[in-house]
Structure formats: structure tokens, C-alpha cells
């Protein structure tokens, strides 16, 4: 496993945690399906942001 992959995974986990905590704080009574959708989308976005941060393009 490359060092960049570990950084991306840690960044994504931290990003998902923050988004889930904020969504629970601002929207306290959401269903399980909504929480799963928010978690999945934040993992996707966090992974994309982490990839852009830790593997910049060489152009």
C-alpha cells in the first residue's frame, strides 16, 4: 500500500466523520436511509478531494 493511499483513506474517514456529525447536529431526526446516503456521498466526495490533494496532476 502506498503512502498516498493511506493519507487518502485517513482524509476520507475524517471527512466522513465530520460530515456525519454535522448532519446529525443540524438535522437530528433523519432516517437510517438518509444517514446512509449522506455517508456514502461524503465518502465519495472525500475520496475525490483526498485524491486531488495527495496525488496532484503533473501538468
Protein backbone atom coordinates (compact mmCIF):
# COMPACT_ATOMS: atom_id res chain seq x y z
CA UNK A 1 0.00 0.00 0.00
CA UNK A 2 1.43 3.34 -0.98
CA UNK A 3 1.87 6.17 1.47
CA UNK A 4 -0.50 8.36 -0.53
CA UNK A 5 -3.25 5.74 -0.32
CA UNK A 6 -3.04 5.72 3.45
CA UNK A 7 -3.30 9.52 3.51
CA UNK A 8 -6.33 9.44 1.22
CA UNK A 9 -8.03 6.83 3.41
CA UNK A 10 -7.38 8.81 6.58
CA UNK A 11 -8.57 12.04 4.99
CA UNK A 12 -11.72 10.35 3.68
CA UNK A 13 -12.51 8.85 7.08
CA UNK A 14 -12.05 12.19 8.80
CA UNK A 15 -14.15 13.94 6.15
CA UNK A 16 -16.98 11.40 6.52
CA UNK A 17 -16.87 11.69 10.30
CA UNK A 18 -17.13 15.47 10.22
CA UNK A 19 -19.96 15.45 7.66
CA UNK A 20 -21.95 12.84 9.59
CA UNK A 21 -21.51 14.70 12.89
CA UNK A 22 -22.59 17.98 11.27
CA UNK A 23 -25.60 16.36 9.62
CA UNK A 24 -26.66 14.78 12.93
CA UNK A 25 -26.27 18.13 14.66
CA UNK A 26 -28.18 20.23 12.13
CA UNK A 27 -30.77 17.59 11.12
CA UNK A 28 -31.24 15.45 14.25
CA UNK A 29 -34.25 13.34 13.20
CA UNK A 30 -33.24 11.73 9.94
CA UNK A 31 -33.98 8.20 8.86
CA UNK A 32 -31.39 5.46 8.50
CA UNK A 33 -31.60 5.60 4.71
CA UNK A 34 -30.82 9.32 4.73
CA UNK A 35 -27.82 8.76 7.01
CA UNK A 36 -26.50 6.03 4.72
CA UNK A 37 -26.92 8.23 1.65
CA UNK A 38 -25.15 11.16 3.37
CA UNK A 39 -22.31 8.87 4.48
CA UNK A 40 -21.88 7.35 1.05
CA UNK A 41 -21.88 10.66 -0.77
CA UNK A 42 -19.46 12.19 1.72
CA UNK A 43 -17.13 9.20 1.31
CA UNK A 44 -17.21 9.67 -2.46
CA UNK A 45 -16.57 13.41 -2.23
CA UNK A 46 -13.91 12.97 0.47
CA UNK A 47 -12.10 10.38 -1.63
CA UNK A 48 -12.10 12.66 -4.66
CA UNK A 49 -10.84 15.62 -2.64
CA UNK A 50 -8.18 13.46 -0.98
CA UNK A 51 -7.03 12.15 -4.34
CA UNK A 52 -6.70 15.70 -5.66
CA UNK A 53 -4.79 16.80 -2.55
CA UNK A 54 -2.34 13.91 -2.26
CA UNK A 55 -1.87 12.97 -5.93
CA UNK A 56 -1.69 16.29 -7.79
CA UNK A 57 -1.59 16.15 -11.56
CA UNK A 58 1.80 16.65 -13.18
CA UNK A 59 0.76 19.09 -15.89
